[in-house]
Amino acid sequence: MKISLENKILIGFIVNLVVVIASGWIFITRLDKQRNKEMDTILDWIELSLFGLSIVLLVIVYFIIQSQLKAKNISQKLLSDNKQLLQSIIDNTSNPIFIKEINGQYLLINKQYESLFHISNEEIIGKTDYDFLTKEVADAYRNSDLEVVKALRELKTEETIEQPDGRHIYIAVKFPLYDADGRVYAIGGISTDITERKKMEESLKEAVKFFNMSFDILTVAKDEHFIKINPALTKTLGYDQEDMNRIKFMDLIHPDDSKIANEVLASHLKGNPVAHFRTRFLCKDGTHKWLDWNSNIDMKQGVFYSVARDVTELVQLEMEKEIATNELYQDEEKLRLIVENIGEGIIVANANKKIILANDMANTLFGIKEDDKISSNFVNHFEVYFPDQKTVFPSQNLPMERAFNGEATDDIDVMLWDPNKQEKKRVLISGRPLVDQNNNVVAAVVTIKDISKYKQLEEELKETELKYRQLIGYKTGSSKES
């Protein structure tokens, strides 16, 4: 059985007390003159033995006390080393740490706590929150401390602390500390700065809000499934998240678009984003809708992030436009064939008076092959006269100019003289304005009919008729004379 230090000292005290009492009794016995002196020798030996026993006990107690003091010094050194080690550990953590007595007085803080509240460990020992914080903040801290004491368990609270770079939010974990008798004697606390996490949470909330409120389709895909969709997809295609968990997104793509979908997927697997690719998706009601996609991939996570927009109506309009364009092109070709086979020169000028169409007859008339090099003002190519070939015809009265003024003209008879070729042509020019729905002139069409040969034939016929008339008249006169 192990005897404690207190019991060892008590036993030694009792034994020494017995020795002292026995020695005192022997001393008193020897004061009696009527004593039996034959007992003196025995008493001397007894007294000597008791004295030796006392010395032995004192030596034993000395060594016991010495060993205990040595053990105490070792314990105190270990305690001091452990305290320094503890202080070193908590000083090198990134979290502010404190220990307070139940009455609120500080026992210990670490370096981060010192930096946070600008007070050293030596200065704060024995002080309370009321000594260096505002009453409002100190009251809040004190109330949370008392909650820990009442609950006798760890509690978490959210605290806000103003710092030079702004307001920071901390999660404070406070817990009771117990003594050897199991009684709460202090409160410990560890705080964690969650400011950035709070900002991220707020950003995430905004992102989720945007995700849910977006008019565009937003999806997150992994392992061939849309693991997250927004309400816009449900509204457009009819599927909810439960449907998407069961269906592979590639199974929803129209067979005719599977090739482009596989090409996009292959490009993604190389780490490339893909913008503006269109595929038809099967709706829950069995119809198909055209979606225009922009997609990217997180290669580490193997996650696809995509944005899509329903362009079904746009695609239909594009198809209708393509059909209309083809029909217009065909009509233009038919019109060109008709225009080219008309025996009159035709030119068309836009609102800027730039020639945009001229048939072969017009090209021949002007001696210019390139349509856009023909001027809408004839005087830039010819000298224009009345049929008498002497009076200059006013350029503002030509059918082209009158057409741009909204006036239609028919068969204006003029003479065109080409000074370069020294050639004249008698022509009939007609003009028509082309107007839009607002009655604005947007183009002018002019036809030119070369009547030079007709006029020449007309002159020749007149001369022939005159000759025949003279001849007939001469013969008639001769017969009368006979």
Protein backbone atom coordinates (compact mmCIF):
# COMPACT_ATOMS: atom_id res chain seq x y z
CA MET A 1 0.00 0.00 0.00
CA LYS A 2 1.33 3.43 -0.98
CA ILE A 3 1.51 5.98 1.90
CA SER A 4 0.95 9.61 1.03
CA LEU A 5 3.33 12.39 2.03
CA GLU A 6 0.88 13.73 4.63
CA ASN A 7 0.54 10.31 6.29
CA LYS A 8 4.31 9.81 6.33
CA ILE A 9 4.84 13.16 8.06
CA LEU A 10 2.01 12.37 10.54
CA ILE A 11 3.53 8.98 11.47
CA GLY A 12 6.93 10.58 11.94
CA PHE A 13 5.37 13.32 14.09
CA ILE A 14 3.58 10.74 16.30
CA VAL A 15 6.71 8.58 16.71
CA ASN A 16 8.82 11.64 17.61
CA LEU A 17 6.10 12.77 20.02
CA VAL A 18 6.19 9.36 21.73
CA VAL A 19 9.99 9.60 21.91
CA VAL A 20 9.80 13.07 23.45
CA ILE A 21 7.17 11.92 25.96
CA ALA A 22 9.23 8.84 26.87
CA SER A 23 12.37 10.94 27.26
CA GLY A 24 10.45 13.37 29.44
CA TRP A 25 9.13 10.56 31.61
CA ILE A 26 12.67 9.19 32.08
CA PHE A 27 13.91 12.66 32.99
CA ILE A 28 11.12 13.14 35.54
CA THR A 29 11.73 9.67 37.00
CA ARG A 30 15.34 10.54 37.67
CA LEU A 31 14.37 13.58 39.71
CA ASP A 32 12.86 11.28 42.35
CA LYS A 33 15.54 10.65 44.99
CA GLN A 34 13.75 7.55 46.22
CA ARG A 35 13.92 5.93 42.82
CA ASN A 36 15.40 2.58 42.20
CA LYS A 37 18.86 3.45 41.05
CA GLU A 38 19.38 0.01 39.63
CA MET A 39 16.94 1.12 36.90
CA ASP A 40 19.16 4.07 35.83
CA THR A 41 21.33 1.93 33.62
CA ILE A 42 18.27 0.50 31.83
CA LEU A 43 16.75 3.93 31.56
CA ASP A 44 20.00 5.25 30.10
CA TRP A 45 19.90 2.63 27.41
CA ILE A 46 16.24 3.27 26.76
CA GLU A 47 16.87 7.02 26.56
CA LEU A 48 19.81 6.51 24.24
CA SER A 49 17.74 4.20 22.04
CA LEU A 50 14.92 6.72 21.92
CA PHE A 51 17.34 9.48 21.02
CA GLY A 52 18.79 7.37 18.22
CA LEU A 53 15.32 6.49 16.99
CA SER A 54 14.43 10.19 16.98
CA ILE A 55 17.52 11.01 14.94
CA VAL A 56 16.73 8.22 12.49
CA LEU A 57 13.15 9.42 12.14
CA LEU A 58 14.29 13.01 11.62
CA VAL A 59 16.73 11.87 8.94
CA ILE A 60 14.00 9.85 7.27
CA VAL A 61 11.56 12.79 7.41
CA TYR A 62 14.29 15.07 6.04
CA PHE A 63 14.90 12.85 3.06
CA ILE A 64 11.17 12.41 2.53
CA ILE A 65 10.64 16.15 2.57
CA GLN A 66 13.70 16.66 0.37
CA SER A 67 12.44 14.17 -2.18
CA GLN A 68 9.00 15.72 -2.11
CA LEU A 69 10.44 19.20 -2.57
CA LYS A 70 12.50 17.91 -5.48
CA ALA A 71 9.42 16.29 -6.97
CA LYS A 72 7.51 19.53 -6.42
CA ASN A 73 10.23 21.54 -8.16
CA ILE A 74 10.18 19.09 -11.05
CA SER A 75 6.40 19.33 -11.22
CA GLN A 76 6.52 23.12 -11.10
CA LYS A 77 9.14 23.12 -13.87
CA LEU A 78 7.03 20.76 -15.94
CA LEU A 79 4.02 22.92 -15.22
CA SER A 80 5.95 26.02 -16.28
CA ASP A 81 7.23 24.27 -19.40
CA ASN A 82 3.74 23.06 -20.22
CA LYS A 83 2.37 26.54 -19.65
CA GLN A 84 5.00 27.99 -21.98
CA LEU A 85 4.31 25.24 -24.50
CA LEU A 86 0.57 25.93 -24.25
CA GLN A 87 1.18 29.67 -24.65
CA SER A 88 3.45 29.02 -27.63
CA ILE A 89 0.85 26.76 -29.24
CA ILE A 90 -2.06 29.14 -28.78
CA ASP A 91 0.10 32.09 -29.87
CA ASN A 92 0.84 30.37 -33.15
CA THR A 93 -2.73 29.54 -34.01
CA SER A 94 -4.65 31.87 -36.29
CA ASN A 95 -7.65 32.00 -33.96
CA PRO A 96 -8.01 34.46 -31.04
CA ILE A 97 -8.10 32.48 -27.73
CA PHE A 98 -8.88 33.58 -24.16
CA ILE A 99 -9.46 32.12 -20.69
CA LYS A 100 -11.50 34.05 -18.10
CA GLU A 101 -12.47 33.38 -14.53
CA ILE A 102 -16.16 33.03 -13.75
CA ASN A 103 -16.21 36.63 -12.52
CA GLY A 104 -15.03 37.75 -15.95
CA GLN A 105 -11.38 38.48 -15.12
CA TYR A 106 -8.91 37.39 -17.78
CA LEU A 107 -6.39 34.66 -17.01
CA LEU A 108 -4.83 34.20 -20.43
CA ILE A 109 -5.01 35.44 -24.03
CA ASN A 110 -2.93 34.64 -27.10
CA LYS A 111 -1.15 36.89 -29.60
CA GLN A 112 -4.11 36.96 -32.01
CA TYR A 113 -6.39 38.14 -29.21
CA GLU A 114 -3.82 40.82 -28.35
CA SER A 115 -3.75 42.02 -31.97
CA LEU A 116 -7.52 41.96 -32.24
CA PHE A 117 -8.18 44.15 -29.19
CA HIS A 118 -4.81 45.96 -29.02
CA ILE A 119 -4.02 44.86 -25.46
CA SER A 120 -1.18 42.63 -24.24
CA ASN A 121 -1.46 39.48 -22.16
CA GLU A 122 0.28 41.19 -19.21
CA GLU A 123 -2.08 44.18 -19.36
CA ILE A 124 -5.27 42.15 -19.57
CA ILE A 125 -4.61 39.76 -16.66
CA GLY A 126 -7.10 40.51 -13.89
CA LYS A 127 -9.16 42.85 -16.07
CA THR A 128 -12.65 42.31 -17.45
CA ASP A 129 -14.26 43.21 -20.80
CA TYR A 130 -15.61 46.40 -19.25
CA ASP A 131 -12.04 47.71 -18.83
CA PHE A 132 -11.28 47.99 -22.56
CA LEU A 133 -14.56 47.51 -24.48
CA THR A 134 -17.72 49.57 -24.78
CA LYS A 135 -20.47 48.70 -22.31
CA GLU A 136 -22.73 47.42 -25.08
CA VAL A 137 -20.10 45.00 -26.38
CA ALA A 138 -18.95 44.03 -22.87
CA ASP A 139 -22.55 43.27 -21.85
CA ALA A 140 -22.99 41.01 -24.86
CA TYR A 141 -19.75 39.12 -24.09
CA ARG A 142 -20.63 38.81 -20.40
CA ASN A 143 -24.10 37.47 -21.14
CA SER A 144 -22.71 34.80 -23.46
CA ASP A 145 -20.12 33.84 -20.80
CA LEU A 146 -22.86 33.38 -18.21
CA GLU A 147 -24.86 31.26 -20.66
CA VAL A 148 -21.90 28.85 -20.81
CA VAL A 149 -21.74 28.68 -17.00
CA LYS A 150 -25.47 27.99 -16.78
CA ALA A 151 -25.52 25.41 -19.55
CA LEU A 152 -22.29 23.71 -18.40
CA ARG A 153 -21.47 22.89 -22.01
CA GLU A 154 -19.94 24.33 -25.15
CA LEU A 155 -21.91 27.15 -26.83
CA LYS A 156 -21.43 28.93 -30.14
CA THR A 157 -22.23 32.59 -30.69
CA GLU A 158 -21.78 34.95 -33.64
CA GLU A 159 -19.93 38.16 -32.78
CA THR A 160 -19.17 41.28 -34.79
CA ILE A 161 -15.91 43.17 -34.22
CA GLU A 162 -14.94 46.46 -35.85
CA GLN A 163 -11.42 46.39 -37.30
CA PRO A 164 -9.35 48.94 -39.30
CA ASP A 165 -10.37 47.31 -42.59
CA GLY A 166 -14.03 47.16 -41.65
CA ARG A 167 -16.47 44.98 -39.77
CA HIS A 168 -15.49 41.34 -39.22
CA ILE A 169 -17.78 38.52 -38.19
CA TYR A 170 -16.52 35.79 -35.83
CA ILE A 171 -17.91 32.50 -34.59
CA ALA A 172 -16.97 32.29 -30.89
CA VAL A 173 -16.90 28.81 -29.34
CA LYS A 174 -17.04 29.16 -25.54
CA PHE A 175 -16.67 26.24 -23.12
CA PRO A 176 -16.44 25.68 -19.32
CA LEU A 177 -13.16 24.71 -17.59
CA TYR A 178 -13.35 22.47 -14.50
CA ASP A 179 -11.05 22.17 -11.45
CA ALA A 180 -9.99 18.93 -9.75
CA ASP A 181 -13.26 18.82 -7.83
CA GLY A 182 -15.33 19.07 -11.01
CA ARG A 183 -16.43 22.64 -10.43
CA VAL A 184 -16.42 25.29 -13.15
CA TYR A 185 -13.71 27.79 -12.35
CA ALA A 186 -13.13 29.46 -15.73
CA ILE A 187 -14.43 29.96 -19.29
CA GLY A 188 -12.38 29.32 -22.39
CA GLY A 189 -13.07 30.74 -25.82
CA ILE A 190 -11.82 30.27 -29.39
CA SER A 191 -12.98 32.64 -32.16
CA THR A 192 -12.87 32.04 -35.91
CA ASP A 193 -13.07 34.84 -38.48
CA ILE A 194 -15.88 33.90 -40.87
CA THR A 195 -16.09 37.26 -42.68
CA GLU A 196 -14.96 35.85 -46.03
CA ARG A 197 -17.18 32.82 -45.59
CA LYS A 198 -20.11 35.12 -44.89
CA LYS A 199 -19.33 37.11 -48.02
CA MET A 200 -19.12 33.88 -50.00
CA GLU A 201 -22.42 32.74 -48.53
CA GLU A 202 -24.02 36.05 -49.51
CA SER A 203 -22.50 35.77 -52.97
CA LEU A 204 -23.75 32.21 -53.20
CA LYS A 205 -27.23 33.33 -52.15
CA GLU A 206 -27.15 36.01 -54.87
CA ALA A 207 -25.86 33.46 -57.36
CA VAL A 208 -28.63 31.04 -56.42
CA LYS A 209 -31.13 33.89 -56.68
CA PHE A 210 -29.78 34.78 -60.13
CA PHE A 211 -29.74 31.09 -61.07
CA ASN A 212 -33.41 30.74 -60.19
CA MET A 213 -34.55 34.10 -61.60
CA SER A 214 -32.61 34.00 -64.88
CA PHE A 215 -34.69 34.06 -68.06
CA ASP A 216 -31.94 32.02 -69.74
CA ILE A 217 -31.60 28.29 -69.17
CA LEU A 218 -28.77 27.51 -66.72
CA THR A 219 -27.50 23.97 -66.16
CA VAL A 220 -24.77 22.11 -64.29
CA ALA A 221 -23.96 18.70 -65.75
CA LYS A 222 -21.84 15.77 -64.64
CA ASP A 223 -21.67 12.12 -65.61
CA GLU A 224 -24.10 12.60 -68.53
CA HIS A 225 -26.84 14.13 -66.33
CA PHE A 226 -28.01 17.65 -65.56
CA ILE A 227 -27.36 17.63 -61.81
CA LYS A 228 -28.73 21.16 -61.44
CA ILE A 229 -31.24 23.04 -63.58
CA ASN A 230 -33.01 26.34 -63.11
CA PRO A 231 -36.75 27.05 -63.49
CA ALA A 232 -36.16 28.44 -67.00
CA LEU A 233 -35.32 24.94 -68.28
CA THR A 234 -38.44 23.51 -66.66
CA LYS A 235 -40.52 26.27 -68.22
CA THR A 236 -38.96 25.76 -71.67
CA LEU A 237 -38.67 21.97 -71.91
CA GLY A 238 -41.07 20.79 -69.20
CA TYR A 239 -38.62 18.64 -67.21
CA ASP A 240 -38.01 19.06 -63.46
CA GLN A 241 -34.88 18.08 -61.51
CA GLU A 242 -36.22 14.61 -60.76
CA ASP A 243 -36.68 14.00 -64.50
CA MET A 244 -33.13 15.19 -65.20
CA ASN A 245 -31.72 12.82 -62.59
CA ARG A 246 -33.15 9.92 -64.59
CA ILE A 247 -32.52 11.10 -68.16
CA LYS A 248 -29.13 11.48 -69.87
CA PHE A 249 -28.94 14.87 -71.55
CA MET A 250 -27.53 13.33 -74.75
CA ASP A 251 -30.75 11.28 -75.08
CA LEU A 252 -32.74 14.53 -75.36
CA ILE A 253 -30.83 15.82 -78.38
CA HIS A 254 -32.44 15.44 -81.81
CA PRO A 255 -30.76 12.62 -83.81
CA ASP A 256 -29.91 15.03 -86.63
CA ASP A 257 -27.96 17.20 -84.14
CA SER A 258 -26.11 14.36 -82.39
CA LYS A 259 -23.01 14.90 -84.55
CA ILE A 260 -22.52 18.51 -83.49
CA ALA A 261 -23.30 17.56 -79.87
CA ASN A 262 -20.55 14.90 -79.91
CA GLU A 263 -18.12 17.38 -81.47
CA VAL A 264 -18.88 19.89 -78.71
CA LEU A 265 -18.44 17.21 -76.05
CA ALA A 266 -15.09 16.15 -77.53
CA SER A 267 -13.91 19.76 -77.55
CA HIS A 268 -14.98 20.17 -73.91
CA LEU A 269 -13.05 17.08 -72.86
CA LYS A 270 -9.95 18.84 -74.19
CA GLY A 271 -10.69 21.72 -71.84
CA ASN A 272 -12.11 24.10 -74.45
CA PRO A 273 -15.18 26.31 -73.96
CA VAL A 274 -17.71 26.31 -76.80
CA ALA A 275 -19.91 29.28 -77.67
CA HIS A 276 -23.11 29.58 -79.71
CA PHE A 277 -23.87 26.08 -80.89
CA ARG A 278 -27.45 25.12 -81.65
CA THR A 279 -29.19 21.83 -81.04
CA ARG A 280 -32.76 20.67 -80.91
CA PHE A 281 -33.93 19.31 -77.56
CA LEU A 282 -36.82 16.97 -76.97
CA CYS A 283 -39.50 18.55 -74.78
CA LYS A 284 -41.50 16.59 -72.26
CA ASP A 285 -44.60 16.98 -74.46
CA GLY A 286 -42.81 15.31 -77.40
CA THR A 287 -42.05 18.45 -79.43
CA HIS A 288 -38.57 19.79 -80.17
CA LYS A 289 -37.14 23.23 -79.44
CA TRP A 290 -34.01 24.89 -80.75
CA LEU A 291 -31.58 25.96 -78.00
CA ASP A 292 -28.52 28.18 -78.49
CA TRP A 293 -25.81 27.07 -76.02
CA ASN A 294 -22.69 28.55 -74.43
CA SER A 295 -20.80 25.98 -72.40
CA ASN A 296 -17.61 25.52 -70.38
CA ILE A 297 -16.03 22.75 -68.31
CA ASP A 298 -14.21 22.44 -64.99
CA MET A 299 -11.65 19.80 -65.89
CA LYS A 300 -10.71 18.99 -62.27
CA GLN A 301 -14.28 18.35 -61.19
CA GLY A 302 -15.52 17.07 -64.54
CA VAL A 303 -18.46 19.47 -64.37
CA PHE A 304 -20.08 21.28 -67.31
CA TYR A 305 -21.57 24.74 -66.85
CA SER A 306 -23.93 25.84 -69.62
CA VAL A 307 -26.22 28.71 -70.56
CA ALA A 308 -28.90 28.29 -73.22
CA ARG A 309 -31.64 30.33 -74.80
CA ASP A 310 -34.75 29.20 -76.64
CA VAL A 311 -34.25 30.33 -80.25
CA THR A 312 -36.99 28.23 -81.81
CA GLU A 313 -38.89 31.25 -83.15
CA LEU A 314 -35.65 32.82 -84.36
CA VAL A 315 -34.67 29.65 -86.21
CA GLN A 316 -38.12 29.50 -87.81
CA LEU A 317 -37.79 33.13 -88.87
CA GLU A 318 -34.34 32.42 -90.29
CA MET A 319 -35.71 29.47 -92.22
CA GLU A 320 -38.60 31.57 -93.53
CA LYS A 321 -36.15 34.32 -94.40
CA GLU A 322 -33.94 31.85 -96.25
CA ILE A 323 -36.95 30.58 -98.19
CA ALA A 324 -38.05 34.13 -98.96
CA THR A 325 -34.50 35.05 -99.98
CA ASN A 326 -34.31 32.09 -102.31
CA GLU A 327 -37.67 32.97 -103.79
CA LEU A 328 -36.61 36.60 -104.13
CA TYR A 329 -33.39 35.51 -105.81
CA GLN A 330 -35.36 33.38 -108.22
CA ASP A 331 -37.74 36.27 -108.90
CA GLU A 332 -34.78 38.58 -109.45
CA GLU A 333 -33.30 36.14 -111.91
CA LYS A 334 -36.62 35.90 -113.73
CA LEU A 335 -36.90 39.68 -113.74
CA ARG A 336 -33.35 40.03 -115.01
CA LEU A 337 -34.03 37.59 -117.80
CA ILE A 338 -37.15 39.53 -118.73
CA VAL A 339 -35.34 42.87 -118.51
CA GLU A 340 -32.41 41.59 -120.58
CA ASN A 341 -34.74 40.38 -123.30
CA ILE A 342 -36.70 43.59 -123.54
CA GLY A 343 -35.84 45.55 -126.65
CA GLU A 344 -35.55 48.81 -124.71
CA GLY A 345 -32.81 50.09 -122.47
CA ILE A 346 -33.75 49.95 -118.77
CA ILE A 347 -31.90 51.56 -115.87
CA VAL A 348 -32.83 51.64 -112.18
CA ALA A 349 -31.39 54.15 -109.70
CA ASN A 350 -31.73 54.09 -105.88
CA ALA A 351 -32.65 57.00 -103.61
CA ASN A 352 -29.04 58.19 -103.76
CA LYS A 353 -29.35 58.39 -107.56
CA LYS A 354 -26.86 55.58 -107.97
CA ILE A 355 -27.52 53.14 -110.82
CA ILE A 356 -28.13 49.69 -109.36
CA LEU A 357 -29.42 47.94 -112.50
CA ALA A 358 -28.95 48.35 -116.25
CA ASN A 359 -29.78 45.83 -118.95
CA ASP A 360 -27.64 45.04 -121.99
CA MET A 361 -29.53 47.49 -124.17
CA ALA A 362 -28.79 50.29 -121.67
CA ASN A 363 -25.13 49.25 -121.44
CA THR A 364 -24.88 49.36 -125.24
CA LEU A 365 -26.61 52.71 -125.40
CA PHE A 366 -24.24 54.28 -122.88
CA GLY A 367 -21.23 52.28 -124.07
CA ILE A 368 -20.50 51.20 -120.46
CA LYS A 369 -20.51 47.59 -119.26
CA GLU A 370 -20.38 48.25 -115.48
CA ASP A 371 -23.85 49.31 -114.28
CA ASP A 372 -22.63 51.39 -111.35
CA LYS A 373 -20.48 53.55 -113.65
CA ILE A 374 -23.54 54.82 -115.52
CA SER A 375 -24.66 58.21 -114.22
CA SER A 376 -28.35 58.85 -113.55
CA ASN A 377 -27.84 62.31 -115.07
CA PHE A 378 -27.75 61.81 -118.85
CA VAL A 379 -25.88 65.07 -119.47
CA ASN A 380 -22.79 63.40 -117.95
CA HIS A 381 -22.74 61.12 -121.01
CA PHE A 382 -24.55 63.01 -123.78
CA GLU A 383 -25.52 66.39 -125.04
CA VAL A 384 -29.30 66.34 -124.92
CA TYR A 385 -31.39 68.31 -127.48
CA PHE A 386 -34.97 68.63 -128.52
CA PRO A 387 -35.79 66.76 -131.77
CA ASP A 388 -34.85 69.90 -133.77
CA GLN A 389 -31.27 69.06 -132.79
CA LYS A 390 -30.59 72.69 -131.96
CA THR A 391 -32.42 73.48 -128.73
CA VAL A 392 -30.78 72.10 -125.54
CA PHE A 393 -33.16 70.00 -123.47
CA PRO A 394 -33.22 71.04 -119.75
CA SER A 395 -31.68 68.28 -117.61
CA GLN A 396 -34.18 68.88 -114.77
CA ASN A 397 -36.98 67.92 -117.15
CA LEU A 398 -35.48 64.56 -118.02
CA PRO A 399 -37.62 61.58 -116.85
CA MET A 400 -35.01 60.43 -114.28
CA GLU A 401 -35.04 63.74 -112.40
CA ARG A 402 -38.82 64.00 -112.66
CA ALA A 403 -39.18 60.44 -111.34
CA PHE A 404 -37.13 61.32 -108.23
CA ASN A 405 -39.60 64.18 -107.74
CA GLY A 406 -42.43 61.64 -107.77
CA GLU A 407 -43.62 62.38 -111.35
CA ALA A 408 -44.26 59.77 -114.01
CA THR A 409 -43.42 60.56 -117.66
CA ASP A 410 -44.05 58.83 -120.97
CA ASP A 411 -42.15 58.94 -124.26
CA ILE A 412 -40.14 62.13 -123.89
CA ASP A 413 -38.66 62.62 -127.38
CA VAL A 414 -35.04 63.83 -127.29
CA MET A 415 -31.85 63.70 -129.34
CA LEU A 416 -28.73 62.34 -127.65
CA TRP A 417 -25.39 63.49 -129.08
CA ASP A 418 -22.24 61.60 -128.07
CA PRO A 419 -19.35 64.04 -128.68
CA ASN A 420 -16.74 61.31 -128.21
CA LYS A 421 -18.18 58.96 -130.80
CA GLN A 422 -19.61 61.79 -132.90
CA GLU A 423 -22.84 59.86 -132.89
CA LYS A 424 -26.44 60.94 -132.40
CA LYS A 425 -29.46 58.92 -131.37
CA ARG A 426 -33.12 59.79 -131.34
CA VAL A 427 -34.76 58.22 -128.27
CA LEU A 428 -38.04 58.10 -126.35
CA ILE A 429 -37.48 58.20 -122.58
CA SER A 430 -40.09 57.26 -119.96
CA GLY A 431 -39.73 57.37 -116.18
CA ARG A 432 -41.55 55.99 -113.15
CA PRO A 433 -40.92 56.62 -109.43
CA LEU A 434 -40.89 53.66 -106.97
CA VAL A 435 -42.33 54.56 -103.55
CA ASP A 436 -42.45 52.81 -100.15
CA GLN A 437 -45.42 52.44 -97.79
CA ASN A 438 -44.86 56.00 -96.58
CA ASN A 439 -45.04 57.28 -100.14
CA ASN A 440 -41.36 58.17 -100.16
CA VAL A 441 -39.46 57.76 -103.45
CA VAL A 442 -36.89 55.00 -102.93
CA ALA A 443 -35.92 54.40 -106.58
CA ALA A 444 -36.55 55.48 -110.16
CA VAL A 445 -36.99 53.35 -113.27
CA VAL A 446 -36.27 54.76 -116.72
CA THR A 447 -36.82 53.09 -120.09
CA ILE A 448 -35.02 54.28 -123.21
CA LYS A 449 -36.28 53.36 -126.65
CA ASP A 450 -33.94 54.04 -129.57
CA ILE A 451 -36.10 55.29 -132.46
CA SER A 452 -33.25 56.52 -134.64
CA LYS A 453 -33.83 53.79 -137.25
CA TYR A 454 -37.56 54.31 -137.14
CA LYS A 455 -37.11 58.02 -137.75
CA GLN A 456 -34.64 57.30 -140.53
CA LEU A 457 -37.06 54.88 -142.14
CA GLU A 458 -39.80 57.44 -141.65
CA GLU A 459 -37.71 60.07 -143.45
CA GLU A 460 -36.88 57.60 -146.21
CA LEU A 461 -40.57 56.72 -146.57
CA LYS A 462 -41.46 60.39 -146.78
CA GLU A 463 -38.83 60.96 -149.48
CA THR A 464 -40.04 57.89 -151.41
CA GLU A 465 -43.65 59.00 -151.07
CA LEU A 466 -42.69 62.45 -152.30
CA LYS A 467 -40.89 61.00 -155.31
CA TYR A 468 -43.84 58.78 -156.17
CA ARG A 469 -46.24 61.67 -155.72
CA GLN A 470 -44.14 63.83 -158.04
CA LEU A 471 -43.89 61.03 -160.51
CA ILE A 472 -47.60 60.30 -160.44
CA GLY A 473 -48.38 63.97 -160.70
CA TYR A 474 -46.08 64.41 -163.75
CA LYS A 475 -47.66 61.48 -165.62
CA THR A 476 -51.14 62.77 -164.93
CA GLY A 477 -50.24 66.13 -166.39
CA SER A 478 -48.78 64.60 -169.56
CA SER A 479 -51.91 62.56 -170.37
CA LYS A 480 -54.07 65.63 -170.07
CA GLU A 481 -52.00 67.46 -172.66
CA SER A 482 -52.46 64.61 -175.09
